[in-house]
Structures are given as structure tokens and as C-alpha cells.
Amino acid sequence: MKVLFIDSCHASLQQELEISGFTCDHDYDSSKEEIAKKLSSYTGLVIRSRFKLDKEFLDKASGLKFIARVGAGMENIDVGYAESKGIRCLHAPEGNRDAVGEQAIGMLLALFNNLCKADKEVREGKWIREGNRGEELSGKTVSIIGYGNMGSAFAKKLQGFDVKVLAYDKYKKGFGDNQVKEATLDEVFAETDVLSLHLPLTQETLFMVNDAFINKFRKNIYIINTARGKNLKTDDLVKNMRSGKVLGACLDVLEHESNSFEGLQSTINNQQSTIPALDYLLSSPKVILSPHIGGWTHQSNEKMARTLAAKIKALPGLLTN
């Protein structure tokens, strides 16, 4: 049984697969077309986000039994078509959920306490206290949209901050407990101070948070997005930041990322984009930005690899063939 790694990941995945009898090859440089030509000889494929696995690509995978995605989101894989061909699609949200939860907490505290701005000012010799007076998280209502691995990890991390936590998930019921109250969307719209997105990217969630959605909230709100950039419409976010409806935003992901999550479709390095809304985000002190690193810790790198190794080894019939 052969597995092709077309993206790098923690070495423990290969080590555990080899112990179980797999032969592991690597190809980080060939084109999608070149990889498709040799795919028929492989039992498994390991990928992060290098390119989309569409029907045309999957049709070349006559011997493929599984695709292992080193990460959580599966939007770059045509999962339905792959599984119709008998290819199991695996991912590892259990491996990076703690990292995402901690990132969301860190970004929110940095925003509330002006930490990025204050740090920069002190380094420049400026000692500005009143201009950096902070906002307390205590006493606020934090609402989570999407209560899977990431949303539940974030709720757990919020314990101890003296906040009320609401969670809405269209496809999950009966999950309320001592750390979160299961809520309707109407309750979320009525009570939220801080909104945190933990959604996959599907046709249903594409730009789900837009102008109409934002203006259903009774209060002015803060928004955290550590999910997918296209869950949130950037133009509408900026419109509502300008009006004061959105008081601030923590964005680990951006609408304008490429499909591989490796950059922006603008000359961001020069701070000269052709996207006015992005320019606003880059210059606003009410925005905390990071380059899609919410699940990107040293620990999550290994945990995702070991999670996938366990899932691959547990596939029915795979190791007995």
C-alpha cells in the first residue's frame, strides 16, 4: 500500500503509517496534472490545501482508498464525489481545535486592551495610557455560530472569564451544558456582544455574515472570524465598522485569501491593495489581523498528524487487504 504526500506535515504521520506497512512517497513540486497521472498507483493521498481535488482529478485515482486532509476544512475536496467512488475523506479538526480556541481568545483580548497599538507606541517611545484604556470581557455575552470541534473548544476556553456563552448550530441540538447555552438565532441577535464564527465553508455559509445579517443584532457587536474568510463579506463588515454597528473585528482569515490559504490576492506586502475594504482593515486600529494561523501551532501540527494516522489505521478492511 502506497501513500502520496503532496503537502508537508509532521513526521509522525509518515512514521506511524510506515509502522503499519504503508510505503510513503512525497511530491511537493509537481503540477496537479503531473500528480494526477501517477495517482492510480496510490492507496492514499495526504494534502493540506495545495490545490482543489475536483472530479477530473479524482477520476484519475482508480486505486485511491482515502484522502487525508491535514487540517479541518474540506472545501477544497469534492467530498461527495470522492465518497461516491469509495474514497474515504478524512480530516483532523480534533488536532487543531485547542489552537483555534486559544487564538480566538488571544485576538479578542488584544483587541479589547489595545495591545498591538500600545506595544507599537511604547516601542516608539510613546507612553499613552488614557488613549489605550481597555474594555473588559467580563459581563459580556459571547455568541458562537457553529458548535463543532472549533466552536466547542472556544466555549471551553471562555470558562473563567465571567461571560455568558450562547451557541447556535443549525445541524446540532441538545448540546447545552454548564459551559454554553444552546440558543436560537433570534436569541443570538438579541443578546450578543461578541460574535465568533466557527463555520465550514459551504454554499450555505458563503458570505453568511453580510450586511443584512449584521444588522439583525440588537446591540453593536465585535466579530471574531477564525473559520473561513468567505463566511464574512468584507465590504459589509467595513460598512458596518464605519457606521459603528461593528465595534471591532478579530480576523485570522480573510475573504481575499487564495484557495491554498497561502496569501492574499493583492500586494499586501506594500500595503497597496486594489481592494478598498482590505485597505480599511489594514489601517484600522479596531482590527486585529493574523495570517490564518489559528490552528497553526507546534502542538497542533503533531496532533493533527497523529489524529489522521489513527483514523487511517481504523479504516475498515484497509490494513487487512
Protein backbone atom coordinates (compact mmCIF):
# COMPACT_ATOMS: atom_id res chain seq x y z
CA MET A 1 0.00 0.00 0.00
CA LYS A 2 1.37 3.34 -1.05
CA VAL A 3 0.58 6.83 0.23
CA LEU A 4 1.49 10.03 -1.60
CA PHE A 5 2.17 13.16 0.45
CA ILE A 6 1.66 16.24 -1.73
CA ASP A 7 1.94 18.65 1.22
CA SER A 8 4.31 18.54 4.17
CA CYS A 9 3.11 17.68 7.66
CA HIS A 10 4.51 16.46 10.97
CA ALA A 11 6.79 13.43 10.54
CA SER A 12 4.75 11.32 12.96
CA LEU A 13 2.09 10.68 10.30
CA GLN A 14 4.58 9.02 7.97
CA GLN A 15 6.26 7.20 10.83
CA GLU A 16 3.02 5.67 12.07
CA LEU A 17 1.90 4.72 8.56
CA GLU A 18 5.20 3.02 7.80
CA ILE A 19 4.99 1.03 11.03
CA SER A 20 1.60 -0.20 9.81
CA GLY A 21 3.04 -1.33 6.48
CA PHE A 22 2.48 1.64 4.18
CA THR A 23 5.10 2.94 1.76
CA CYS A 24 5.18 6.75 1.76
CA ASP A 25 6.25 8.91 -1.17
CA HIS A 26 6.47 12.70 -1.39
CA ASP A 27 5.85 15.12 -4.25
CA TYR A 28 5.68 18.74 -3.17
CA ASP A 29 6.69 20.26 -6.52
CA SER A 30 4.92 18.59 -9.46
CA SER A 31 1.89 20.19 -11.07
CA LYS A 32 -1.62 19.00 -10.35
CA GLU A 33 -1.69 17.41 -13.80
CA GLU A 34 1.56 15.53 -13.22
CA ILE A 35 0.36 14.21 -9.88
CA ALA A 36 -2.94 13.10 -11.41
CA LYS A 37 -1.07 10.97 -13.95
CA LYS A 38 0.56 8.82 -11.27
CA LEU A 39 -2.30 8.81 -8.77
CA SER A 40 -3.69 5.43 -9.84
CA SER A 41 -0.84 3.59 -8.13
CA TYR A 42 -1.58 5.03 -4.68
CA THR A 43 -3.89 3.84 -1.92
CA GLY A 44 -3.85 7.12 -0.02
CA LEU A 45 -3.27 10.83 -0.58
CA VAL A 46 -2.19 13.34 2.10
CA ILE A 47 -2.87 17.03 1.45
CA ARG A 48 -3.19 20.32 3.30
CA SER A 49 -4.51 22.94 0.88
CA ARG A 50 -2.23 22.82 -2.13
CA PHE A 51 -4.96 22.63 -4.78
CA LYS A 52 -8.56 21.53 -5.25
CA LEU A 53 -9.35 17.84 -5.58
CA ASP A 54 -12.13 18.05 -8.16
CA LYS A 55 -13.97 15.42 -10.21
CA GLU A 56 -11.45 15.48 -13.05
CA PHE A 57 -8.58 14.88 -10.63
CA LEU A 58 -10.42 12.20 -8.65
CA ASP A 59 -11.30 10.31 -11.83
CA LYS A 60 -7.59 9.56 -12.21
CA ALA A 61 -7.48 7.99 -8.73
CA SER A 62 -8.61 4.48 -9.62
CA GLY A 63 -6.86 2.80 -6.68
CA LEU A 64 -7.33 5.50 -4.07
CA LYS A 65 -8.96 4.40 -0.81
CA PHE A 66 -8.54 7.55 1.28
CA ILE A 67 -7.70 11.24 1.23
CA ALA A 68 -6.26 12.62 4.49
CA ARG A 69 -6.53 16.38 4.86
CA VAL A 70 -4.09 17.81 7.41
CA GLY A 71 -6.47 20.38 8.83
CA ALA A 72 -10.16 20.87 9.49
CA GLY A 73 -11.96 22.37 6.47
CA MET A 74 -12.81 20.17 3.49
CA GLU A 75 -13.95 22.79 0.97
CA ASN A 76 -11.03 22.07 -1.39
CA ILE A 77 -12.12 18.43 -1.78
CA ASP A 78 -15.22 17.27 -3.67
CA VAL A 79 -16.11 15.01 -0.76
CA GLY A 80 -19.43 13.79 -2.17
CA TYR A 81 -17.88 12.70 -5.45
CA ALA A 82 -14.86 11.13 -3.78
CA GLU A 83 -17.02 9.07 -1.44
CA SER A 84 -19.26 8.01 -4.33
CA LYS A 85 -16.11 6.42 -5.76
CA GLY A 86 -15.34 4.63 -2.50
CA ILE A 87 -12.67 7.10 -1.37
CA ARG A 88 -12.89 7.94 2.33
CA CYS A 89 -12.22 11.60 3.15
CA LEU A 90 -10.55 12.21 6.50
CA HIS A 91 -9.66 15.41 8.32
CA ALA A 92 -8.30 16.33 11.74
CA PRO A 93 -10.28 19.09 13.49
CA GLU A 94 -9.62 17.33 16.81
CA GLY A 95 -5.95 18.13 16.32
CA ASN A 96 -6.14 21.90 16.00
CA ARG A 97 -9.32 22.86 17.87
CA ASP A 98 -7.44 23.91 21.01
CA ALA A 99 -5.11 26.09 18.94
CA VAL A 100 -8.07 27.81 17.27
CA GLY A 101 -9.81 28.39 20.60
CA GLU A 102 -6.69 29.95 22.11
CA GLN A 103 -6.15 32.11 19.02
CA ALA A 104 -9.68 33.50 19.26
CA ILE A 105 -9.21 34.32 22.94
CA GLY A 106 -5.83 35.92 22.30
CA MET A 107 -7.07 38.10 19.45
CA LEU A 108 -10.11 39.24 21.42
CA LEU A 109 -8.05 40.22 24.48
CA ALA A 110 -5.53 42.01 22.26
CA LEU A 111 -8.36 43.99 20.64
CA PHE A 112 -10.12 44.85 23.90
CA ASN A 113 -6.91 46.01 25.57
CA ASN A 114 -5.32 47.81 22.59
CA LEU A 115 -2.26 45.60 22.97
CA CYS A 116 -0.96 45.81 19.41
CA LYS A 117 -1.34 49.59 19.31
CA ALA A 118 0.10 50.09 22.80
CA ASP A 119 3.08 47.84 22.11
CA LYS A 120 3.91 49.78 18.95
CA GLU A 121 3.61 53.11 20.77
CA VAL A 122 5.86 52.09 23.66
CA ARG A 123 8.50 50.87 21.20
CA GLU A 124 8.31 54.32 19.60
CA GLY A 125 8.89 56.00 22.97
CA LYS A 126 5.23 56.96 23.49
CA TRP A 127 3.63 56.34 26.90
CA ILE A 128 -0.11 56.77 26.23
CA ARG A 129 -2.36 55.44 28.98
CA GLU A 130 -5.73 57.18 28.54
CA GLY A 131 -5.72 56.56 24.79
CA ASN A 132 -5.30 52.86 25.46
CA ARG A 133 -7.95 52.41 28.12
CA GLY A 134 -9.32 48.91 27.61
CA GLU A 135 -12.64 47.10 27.52
CA GLU A 136 -13.40 44.18 29.86
CA LEU A 137 -14.68 40.87 28.57
CA SER A 138 -16.30 40.11 31.92
CA GLY A 139 -20.09 40.51 31.91
CA LYS A 140 -20.48 40.27 28.14
CA THR A 141 -22.38 37.73 26.06
CA VAL A 142 -20.25 35.82 23.57
CA SER A 143 -22.17 34.01 20.84
CA ILE A 144 -20.73 31.17 18.80
CA ILE A 145 -22.08 30.30 15.37
CA GLY A 146 -21.18 26.68 14.61
CA TYR A 147 -20.71 24.36 17.56
CA GLY A 148 -18.41 21.64 16.26
CA ASN A 149 -14.84 20.98 17.30
CA MET A 150 -13.73 24.61 16.99
CA GLY A 151 -16.80 26.26 18.48
CA SER A 152 -16.90 23.95 21.47
CA ALA A 153 -13.16 24.40 22.09
CA PHE A 154 -13.62 28.18 22.09
CA ALA A 155 -16.52 27.88 24.54
CA LYS A 156 -14.33 25.82 26.85
CA LYS A 157 -11.54 28.40 26.71
CA LEU A 158 -14.01 31.13 27.72
CA GLN A 159 -14.65 29.49 31.07
CA GLY A 160 -13.25 31.69 33.83
CA PHE A 161 -13.87 34.98 32.00
CA ASP A 162 -17.27 35.53 33.65
CA VAL A 163 -19.11 35.71 30.33
CA LYS A 164 -22.41 34.28 29.12
CA VAL A 165 -21.81 31.93 26.20
CA LEU A 166 -24.52 31.24 23.63
CA ALA A 167 -24.12 28.83 20.73
CA TYR A 168 -26.19 28.29 17.60
CA ASP A 169 -25.72 25.32 15.27
CA LYS A 170 -28.29 24.62 12.57
CA TYR A 171 -27.41 20.94 12.46
CA LYS A 172 -26.88 20.11 16.11
CA LYS A 173 -29.29 20.00 19.03
CA GLY A 174 -29.12 19.12 22.70
CA PHE A 175 -25.54 20.25 23.30
CA GLY A 176 -26.17 22.82 26.02
CA ASP A 177 -24.23 22.26 29.23
CA ASN A 178 -22.53 24.18 32.03
CA GLN A 179 -20.21 25.97 29.61
CA VAL A 180 -22.68 27.01 26.90
CA LYS A 181 -26.37 27.70 26.39
CA GLU A 182 -27.87 26.31 23.20
CA ALA A 183 -29.58 29.25 21.53
CA THR A 184 -31.76 30.16 18.59
CA LEU A 185 -30.59 32.73 16.06
CA ASP A 186 -33.17 35.14 17.46
CA GLU A 187 -31.57 34.81 20.90
CA VAL A 188 -28.16 35.38 19.37
CA PHE A 189 -29.37 38.52 17.60
CA ALA A 190 -30.94 39.83 20.80
CA GLU A 191 -28.14 39.25 23.31
CA THR A 192 -24.74 39.18 21.61
CA ASP A 193 -21.86 41.47 22.44
CA VAL A 194 -19.17 39.37 20.75
CA LEU A 195 -19.88 37.11 17.76
CA SER A 196 -17.42 34.32 16.93
CA LEU A 197 -17.65 32.31 13.70
CA HIS A 198 -16.75 28.62 13.65
CA LEU A 199 -18.27 27.50 10.37
CA PRO A 200 -17.18 25.33 7.47
CA LEU A 201 -17.25 26.96 4.04
CA THR A 202 -20.21 25.67 2.03
CA GLN A 203 -22.69 27.20 -0.38
CA GLU A 204 -24.93 27.76 2.63
CA THR A 205 -22.30 29.60 4.69
CA LEU A 206 -20.71 31.56 1.82
CA PHE A 207 -20.94 35.22 2.94
CA MET A 208 -23.49 34.20 5.58
CA VAL A 209 -22.40 37.16 7.69
CA ASN A 210 -23.32 40.09 5.47
CA ASP A 211 -24.95 43.49 5.90
CA ALA A 212 -28.44 42.10 6.48
CA PHE A 213 -27.18 39.54 8.99
CA ILE A 214 -25.12 42.07 10.94
CA ASN A 215 -27.99 44.50 11.21
CA LYS A 216 -30.24 41.92 12.88
CA PHE A 217 -28.20 42.31 16.07
CA ARG A 218 -29.85 44.48 18.70
CA LYS A 219 -26.52 45.72 20.11
CA ASN A 220 -23.39 46.97 18.44
CA ILE A 221 -21.03 43.98 18.30
CA TYR A 222 -17.49 42.74 17.93
CA ILE A 223 -16.81 39.98 15.38
CA ILE A 224 -14.21 37.21 15.51
CA ASN A 225 -13.55 35.07 12.43
CA THR A 226 -11.15 32.16 12.80
CA ALA A 227 -13.15 29.98 10.39
CA ARG A 228 -13.06 30.82 6.68
CA GLY A 229 -12.64 34.24 5.10
CA LYS A 230 -15.63 33.84 2.82
CA ASN A 231 -18.00 33.26 5.74
CA LEU A 232 -17.86 37.05 6.21
CA LYS A 233 -18.42 39.64 3.48
CA THR A 234 -15.56 42.12 3.82
CA ASP A 235 -17.32 45.06 2.19
CA ASP A 236 -20.27 44.64 4.55
CA LEU A 237 -18.02 44.29 7.58
CA VAL A 238 -16.27 47.55 6.73
CA LYS A 239 -19.56 49.32 6.01
CA ASN A 240 -20.77 48.40 9.49
CA MET A 241 -17.47 49.29 11.14
CA ARG A 242 -17.72 52.74 9.58
CA SER A 243 -21.26 53.16 10.91
CA GLY A 244 -20.33 51.89 14.38
CA LYS A 245 -22.56 48.80 14.22
CA VAL A 246 -19.43 46.66 14.38
CA LEU A 247 -17.15 47.97 17.12
CA GLY A 248 -14.12 45.91 16.18
CA ALA A 249 -13.02 42.73 14.43
CA CYS A 250 -10.53 39.92 15.01
CA LEU A 251 -9.75 38.29 11.67
CA ASP A 252 -7.45 35.32 11.35
CA VAL A 253 -8.90 34.64 7.90
CA LEU A 254 -9.74 36.98 5.06
CA GLU A 255 -12.10 36.82 2.12
CA HIS A 256 -9.25 37.55 -0.27
CA GLU A 257 -7.02 34.61 0.65
CA SER A 258 -6.18 32.23 -2.15
CA ASN A 259 -7.69 28.74 -2.14
CA SER A 260 -4.41 27.37 -0.77
CA PHE A 261 -4.64 29.82 2.17
CA GLU A 262 -1.08 30.90 1.39
CA GLY A 263 -1.58 34.57 0.69
CA LEU A 264 -3.77 37.44 -0.46
CA GLN A 265 -4.77 38.32 -3.98
CA SER A 266 -3.32 41.80 -3.57
CA THR A 267 0.04 43.43 -2.98
CA ILE A 268 -0.41 43.37 0.76
CA ASN A 269 3.34 43.48 1.36
CA ASN A 270 3.35 47.05 0.02
CA GLN A 271 0.13 47.95 1.87
CA GLN A 272 -1.16 48.87 -1.59
CA SER A 273 -4.10 46.67 -2.49
CA THR A 274 -6.73 47.26 -5.12
CA ILE A 275 -9.41 46.31 -2.57
CA PRO A 276 -10.64 49.36 -0.61
CA ALA A 277 -12.25 47.28 2.14
CA LEU A 278 -9.00 45.44 2.70
CA ASP A 279 -7.14 48.74 2.87
CA TYR A 280 -9.53 49.81 5.63
CA LEU A 281 -8.85 46.65 7.63
CA LEU A 282 -5.09 47.07 7.24
CA SER A 283 -5.19 50.60 8.61
CA SER A 284 -7.85 50.34 11.31
CA PRO A 285 -6.82 50.22 14.99
CA LYS A 286 -10.14 48.47 15.63
CA VAL A 287 -9.00 45.39 13.73
CA ILE A 288 -6.64 42.59 14.77
CA LEU A 289 -5.28 40.57 11.84
CA SER A 290 -3.28 37.37 11.60
CA PRO A 291 -2.32 35.22 8.56
CA HIS A 292 -4.59 32.18 9.01
CA ILE A 293 -2.60 30.78 11.92
CA GLY A 294 -5.49 29.95 14.25
CA GLY A 295 -4.77 26.23 14.11
CA TRP A 296 -1.09 26.61 13.36
CA THR A 297 0.85 25.73 16.50
CA HIS A 298 3.76 23.35 17.02
CA GLN A 299 1.47 21.18 19.13
CA SER A 300 -1.42 21.12 16.65
CA ASN A 301 0.96 20.15 13.85
CA GLU A 302 1.77 16.91 15.64
CA LYS A 303 -1.75 16.35 17.00
CA MET A 304 -3.28 16.60 13.51
CA ALA A 305 -0.75 14.10 12.14
CA ARG A 306 -1.41 11.60 14.92
CA THR A 307 -5.19 12.09 14.60
CA LEU A 308 -5.02 11.28 10.89
CA ALA A 309 -2.76 8.28 11.47
CA ALA A 310 -5.29 6.82 13.89
CA LYS A 311 -8.19 7.46 11.50
CA ILE A 312 -6.35 5.89 8.55
CA LYS A 313 -5.43 2.80 10.53
CA ALA A 314 -9.03 2.46 11.68
CA LEU A 315 -10.48 2.38 8.14
CA PRO A 316 -12.42 -0.88 7.73
CA GLY A 317 -10.58 -3.51 5.71
CA LEU A 318 -7.69 -1.27 4.71
CA LEU A 319 -4.89 -2.98 6.66
CA THR A 320 -6.25 -6.49 6.09
CA ASN A 321 -6.18 -6.32 2.30
